[in-house]
Amino acid sequence: MQRLLFIIAIILSVRGLMKNRFRLLNTFLSNKWLRTLSVALVMRIPGVREKMMYQMLR
């Protein structure tokens, strides 16, 4: 029974996050330090970095 309640709680949490994902993302990225950190972390991913550099230097 406890496991079932845990699974239901996770499902409802994910549903709430997906419903408000853009509001959460805008709140997160409004902070300059978090925005800088997230861009730095994303640019460490080779595939993303190559795609971004290709589009900027095209």
PDB file of N, CA and C in Angstrom:
ATOM      1  N   MET A   1       0.818  -1.194   0.000  1.00  0.00           N
ATOM      2  CA  MET A   1       0.000   0.000   0.000  1.00  0.00           C
ATOM      3  C   MET A   1       0.869   1.269   0.000  1.00  0.00           C
ATOM      4  N   GLN A   2       1.928   1.242   0.808  1.00  0.00           N
ATOM      5  CA  GLN A   2       2.817   2.395   0.879  1.00  0.00           C
ATOM      6  C   GLN A   2       3.528   2.616  -0.457  1.00  0.00           C
ATOM      7  N   ARG A   3       3.883   1.539  -1.116  1.00  0.00           N
ATOM      8  CA  ARG A   3       4.551   1.636  -2.414  1.00  0.00           C
ATOM      9  C   ARG A   3       3.616   2.240  -3.464  1.00  0.00           C
ATOM     10  N   LEU A   4       2.350   1.864  -3.405  1.00  0.00           N
ATOM     11  CA  LEU A   4       1.355   2.396  -4.342  1.00  0.00           C
ATOM     12  C   LEU A   4       1.186   3.903  -4.143  1.00  0.00           C
ATOM     13  N   LEU A   5       1.131   4.359  -2.894  1.00  0.00           N
ATOM     14  CA  LEU A   5       1.020   5.783  -2.616  1.00  0.00           C
ATOM     15  C   LEU A   5       2.264   6.530  -3.104  1.00  0.00           C
ATOM     16  N   PHE A   6       3.421   5.919  -2.950  1.00  0.00           N
ATOM     17  CA  PHE A   6       4.666   6.525  -3.421  1.00  0.00           C
ATOM     18  C   PHE A   6       4.646   6.689  -4.936  1.00  0.00           C
ATOM     19  N   ILE A   7       4.207   5.684  -5.651  1.00  0.00           N
ATOM     20  CA  ILE A   7       4.132   5.741  -7.116  1.00  0.00           C
ATOM     21  C   ILE A   7       3.121   6.794  -7.563  1.00  0.00           C
ATOM     22  N   ILE A   8       1.988   6.872  -6.886  1.00  0.00           N
ATOM     23  CA  ILE A   8       0.978   7.876  -7.227  1.00  0.00           C
ATOM     24  C   ILE A   8       1.522   9.280  -6.982  1.00  0.00           C
ATOM     25  N   ALA A   9       2.252   9.453  -5.890  1.00  0.00           N
ATOM     26  CA  ALA A   9       2.841  10.758  -5.584  1.00  0.00           C
ATOM     27  C   ALA A   9       3.855  11.160  -6.649  1.00  0.00           C
ATOM     28  N   ILE A  10       4.657  10.224  -7.112  1.00  0.00           N
ATOM     29  CA  ILE A  10       5.634  10.516  -8.167  1.00  0.00           C
ATOM     30  C   ILE A  10       4.922  10.900  -9.461  1.00  0.00           C
ATOM     31  N   ILE A  11       3.890  10.174  -9.818  1.00  0.00           N
ATOM     32  CA  ILE A  11       3.145  10.463 -11.045  1.00  0.00           C
ATOM     33  C   ILE A  11       2.521  11.849 -10.980  1.00  0.00           C
ATOM     34  N   LEU A  12       1.935  12.190  -9.846  1.00  0.00           N
ATOM     35  CA  LEU A  12       1.323  13.520  -9.702  1.00  0.00           C
ATOM     36  C   LEU A  12       2.373  14.623  -9.713  1.00  0.00           C
ATOM     37  N   SER A  13       3.527  14.368  -9.136  1.00  0.00           N
ATOM     38  CA  SER A  13       4.613  15.361  -9.147  1.00  0.00           C
ATOM     39  C   SER A  13       5.116  15.605 -10.562  1.00  0.00           C
ATOM     40  N   VAL A  14       5.325  14.539 -11.306  1.00  0.00           N
ATOM     41  CA  VAL A  14       5.795  14.673 -12.689  1.00  0.00           C
ATOM     42  C   VAL A  14       4.749  15.401 -13.528  1.00  0.00           C
ATOM     43  N   ARG A  15       3.496  15.089 -13.296  1.00  0.00           N
ATOM     44  CA  ARG A  15       2.426  15.768 -14.035  1.00  0.00           C
ATOM     45  C   ARG A  15       2.426  17.262 -13.735  1.00  0.00           C
ATOM     46  N   GLY A  16       2.602  17.622 -12.467  1.00  0.00           N
ATOM     47  CA  GLY A  16       2.652  19.030 -12.091  1.00  0.00           C
ATOM     48  C   GLY A  16       3.859  19.738 -12.682  1.00  0.00           C
ATOM     49  N   LEU A  17       5.006  19.070 -12.686  1.00  0.00           N
ATOM     50  CA  LEU A  17       6.202  19.658 -13.281  1.00  0.00           C
ATOM     51  C   LEU A  17       6.038  19.866 -14.782  1.00  0.00           C
ATOM     52  N   MET A  18       5.455  18.892 -15.459  1.00  0.00           N
ATOM     53  CA  MET A  18       5.265  19.016 -16.904  1.00  0.00           C
ATOM     54  C   MET A  18       4.252  20.108 -17.233  1.00  0.00           C
ATOM     55  N   LYS A  19       3.254  20.279 -16.386  1.00  0.00           N
ATOM     56  CA  LYS A  19       2.246  21.302 -16.628  1.00  0.00           C
ATOM     57  C   LYS A  19       2.832  22.707 -16.487  1.00  0.00           C
ATOM     58  N   ASN A  20       3.775  22.871 -15.573  1.00  0.00           N
ATOM     59  CA  ASN A  20       4.365  24.177 -15.310  1.00  0.00           C
ATOM     60  C   ASN A  20       5.824  24.259 -15.733  1.00  0.00           C
ATOM     61  N   ARG A  21       6.243  23.463 -16.699  1.00  0.00           N
ATOM     62  CA  ARG A  21       7.665  23.378 -17.030  1.00  0.00           C
ATOM     63  C   ARG A  21       8.239  24.688 -17.563  1.00  0.00           C
ATOM     64  N   PHE A  22       7.481  25.420 -18.351  1.00  0.00           N
ATOM     65  CA  PHE A  22       8.009  26.663 -18.902  1.00  0.00           C
ATOM     66  C   PHE A  22       8.084  27.755 -17.838  1.00  0.00           C
ATOM     67  N   ARG A  23       7.130  27.781 -16.938  1.00  0.00           N
ATOM     68  CA  ARG A  23       7.177  28.735 -15.836  1.00  0.00           C
ATOM     69  C   ARG A  23       8.380  28.436 -14.942  1.00  0.00           C
ATOM     70  N   LEU A  24       8.630  27.164 -14.665  1.00  0.00           N
ATOM     71  CA  LEU A  24       9.793  26.776 -13.856  1.00  0.00           C
ATOM     72  C   LEU A  24      11.098  27.109 -14.567  1.00  0.00           C
ATOM     73  N   LEU A  25      11.149  26.851 -15.864  1.00  0.00           N
ATOM     74  CA  LEU A  25      12.355  27.138 -16.636  1.00  0.00           C
ATOM     75  C   LEU A  25      12.634  28.644 -16.681  1.00  0.00           C
ATOM     76  N   ASN A  26      11.607  29.460 -16.880  1.00  0.00           N
ATOM     77  CA  ASN A  26      11.793  30.911 -16.884  1.00  0.00           C
ATOM     78  C   ASN A  26      12.258  31.417 -15.526  1.00  0.00           C
ATOM     79  N   THR A  27      11.720  30.855 -14.457  1.00  0.00           N
ATOM     80  CA  THR A  27      12.148  31.242 -13.113  1.00  0.00           C
ATOM     81  C   THR A  27      13.599  30.865 -12.885  1.00  0.00           C
ATOM     82  N   PHE A  28      13.969  29.671 -13.318  1.00  0.00           N
ATOM     83  CA  PHE A  28      15.342  29.193 -13.154  1.00  0.00           C
ATOM     84  C   PHE A  28      16.323  30.053 -13.940  1.00  0.00           C
ATOM     85  N   LEU A  29      15.986  30.377 -15.175  1.00  0.00           N
ATOM     86  CA  LEU A  29      16.904  31.115 -16.038  1.00  0.00           C
ATOM     87  C   LEU A  29      16.883  32.631 -15.815  1.00  0.00           C
ATOM     88  N   SER A  30      15.999  33.115 -14.957  1.00  0.00           N
ATOM     89  CA  SER A  30      15.994  34.551 -14.666  1.00  0.00           C
ATOM     90  C   SER A  30      17.169  34.939 -13.768  1.00  0.00           C
ATOM     91  N   ASN A  31      17.748  33.980 -13.072  1.00  0.00           N
ATOM     92  CA  ASN A  31      18.909  34.228 -12.233  1.00  0.00           C
ATOM     93  C   ASN A  31      20.160  34.178 -13.109  1.00  0.00           C
ATOM     94  N   LYS A  32      20.951  35.254 -13.120  1.00  0.00           N
ATOM     95  CA  LYS A  32      22.108  35.336 -14.014  1.00  0.00           C
ATOM     96  C   LYS A  32      23.122  34.233 -13.736  1.00  0.00           C
ATOM     97  N   TRP A  33      23.388  33.947 -12.464  1.00  0.00           N
ATOM     98  CA  TRP A  33      24.378  32.930 -12.109  1.00  0.00           C
ATOM     99  C   TRP A  33      23.937  31.546 -12.578  1.00  0.00           C
ATOM    100  N   LEU A  34      22.661  31.204 -12.387  1.00  0.00           N
ATOM    101  CA  LEU A  34      22.151  29.906 -12.830  1.00  0.00           C
ATOM    102  C   LEU A  34      22.138  29.811 -14.357  1.00  0.00           C
ATOM    103  N   ARG A  35      21.825  30.922 -15.027  1.00  0.00           N
ATOM    104  CA  ARG A  35      21.824  30.928 -16.491  1.00  0.00           C
ATOM    105  C   ARG A  35      23.228  30.703 -17.034  1.00  0.00           C
ATOM    106  N   THR A  36      24.225  31.367 -16.438  1.00  0.00           N
ATOM    107  CA  THR A  36      25.614  31.204 -16.865  1.00  0.00           C
ATOM    108  C   THR A  36      26.085  29.773 -16.628  1.00  0.00           C
ATOM    109  N   LEU A  37      25.733  29.231 -15.467  1.00  0.00           N
ATOM    110  CA  LEU A  37      26.129  27.857 -15.135  1.00  0.00           C
ATOM    111  C   LEU A  37      25.487  26.852 -16.086  1.00  0.00           C
ATOM    112  N   SER A  38      24.204  27.047 -16.398  1.00  0.00           N
ATOM    113  CA  SER A  38      23.526  26.095 -17.284  1.00  0.00           C
ATOM    114  C   SER A  38      24.095  26.144 -18.701  1.00  0.00           C
ATOM    115  N   VAL A  39      24.421  27.337 -19.199  1.00  0.00           N
ATOM    116  CA  VAL A  39      25.015  27.446 -20.538  1.00  0.00           C
ATOM    117  C   VAL A  39      26.393  26.792 -20.554  1.00  0.00           C
ATOM    118  N   ALA A  40      27.177  27.007 -19.508  1.00  0.00           N
ATOM    119  CA  ALA A  40      28.509  26.396 -19.437  1.00  0.00           C
ATOM    120  C   ALA A  40      28.410  24.874 -19.411  1.00  0.00           C
ATOM    121  N   LEU A  41      27.450  24.342 -18.668  1.00  0.00           N
ATOM    122  CA  LEU A  41      27.291  22.886 -18.596  1.00  0.00           C
ATOM    123  C   LEU A  41      26.813  22.305 -19.925  1.00  0.00           C
ATOM    124  N   VAL A  42      25.898  23.003 -20.588  1.00  0.00           N
ATOM    125  CA  VAL A  42      25.382  22.507 -21.873  1.00  0.00           C
ATOM    126  C   VAL A  42      26.477  22.551 -22.933  1.00  0.00           C
ATOM    127  N   MET A  43      27.314  23.571 -22.897  1.00  0.00           N
ATOM    128  CA  MET A  43      28.364  23.686 -23.905  1.00  0.00           C
ATOM    129  C   MET A  43      29.470  22.645 -23.716  1.00  0.00           C
ATOM    130  N   ARG A  44      29.492  21.945 -22.603  1.00  0.00           N
ATOM    131  CA  ARG A  44      30.452  20.852 -22.409  1.00  0.00           C
ATOM    132  C   ARG A  44      30.050  19.592 -23.159  1.00  0.00           C
ATOM    133  N   ILE A  45      28.814  19.508 -23.612  1.00  0.00           N
ATOM    134  CA  ILE A  45      28.331  18.348 -24.355  1.00  0.00           C
ATOM    135  C   ILE A  45      28.801  18.503 -25.800  1.00  0.00           C
ATOM    136  N   PRO A  46      29.634  17.563 -26.285  1.00  0.00           N
ATOM    137  CA  PRO A  46      30.248  17.732 -27.612  1.00  0.00           C
ATOM    138  C   PRO A  46      29.246  17.917 -28.754  1.00  0.00           C
ATOM    139  N   GLY A  47      28.191  17.143 -28.791  1.00  0.00           N
ATOM    140  CA  GLY A  47      27.222  17.253 -29.880  1.00  0.00           C
ATOM    141  C   GLY A  47      26.530  18.600 -29.908  1.00  0.00           C
ATOM    142  N   VAL A  48      26.167  19.098 -28.758  1.00  0.00           N
ATOM    143  CA  VAL A  48      25.498  20.400 -28.669  1.00  0.00           C
ATOM    144  C   VAL A  48      26.461  21.503 -29.071  1.00  0.00           C
ATOM    145  N   ARG A  49      27.689  21.428 -28.584  1.00  0.00           N
ATOM    146  CA  ARG A  49      28.682  22.448 -28.892  1.00  0.00           C
ATOM    147  C   ARG A  49      28.955  22.504 -30.392  1.00  0.00           C
ATOM    148  N   GLU A  50      29.109  21.347 -31.034  1.00  0.00           N
ATOM    149  CA  GLU A  50      29.375  21.318 -32.476  1.00  0.00           C
ATOM    150  C   GLU A  50      28.216  21.923 -33.259  1.00  0.00           C
ATOM    151  N   LYS A  51      26.975  21.588 -32.860  1.00  0.00           N
ATOM    152  CA  LYS A  51      25.813  22.129 -33.553  1.00  0.00           C
ATOM    153  C   LYS A  51      25.726  23.642 -33.400  1.00  0.00           C
ATOM    154  N   MET A  52      25.981  24.132 -32.190  1.00  0.00           N
ATOM    155  CA  MET A  52      25.927  25.572 -31.945  1.00  0.00           C
ATOM    156  C   MET A  52      27.013  26.307 -32.724  1.00  0.00           C
ATOM    157  N   MET A  53      28.210  25.784 -32.720  1.00  0.00           N
ATOM    158  CA  MET A  53      29.311  26.435 -33.428  1.00  0.00           C
ATOM    159  C   MET A  53      29.059  26.409 -34.935  1.00  0.00           C
ATOM    160  N   TYR A  54      28.497  25.322 -35.446  1.00  0.00           N
ATOM    161  CA  TYR A  54      28.193  25.232 -36.875  1.00  0.00           C
ATOM    162  C   TYR A  54      27.178  26.305 -37.270  1.00  0.00           C
ATOM    163  N   GLN A  55      26.138  26.474 -36.440  1.00  0.00           N
ATOM    164  CA  GLN A  55      25.091  27.442 -36.761  1.00  0.00           C
ATOM    165  C   GLN A  55      25.618  28.870 -36.642  1.00  0.00           C
ATOM    166  N   MET A  56      26.500  29.133 -35.685  1.00  0.00           N
ATOM    167  CA  MET A  56      27.004  30.497 -35.502  1.00  0.00           C
ATOM    168  C   MET A  56      28.014  30.863 -36.574  1.00  0.00           C
ATOM    169  N   LEU A  57      28.793  29.916 -37.065  1.00  0.00           N
ATOM    170  CA  LEU A  57      29.851  30.201 -38.038  1.00  0.00           C
ATOM    171  C   LEU A  57      29.428  29.958 -39.472  1.00  0.00           C
ATOM    172  N   ARG A  58      28.192  29.589 -39.687  1.00  0.00           N
ATOM    173  CA  ARG A  58      27.697  29.293 -41.018  1.00  0.00           C
ATOM    174  C   ARG A  58      27.629  30.502 -41.869  1.00  0.00           C
TER     175      ARG A  58
END
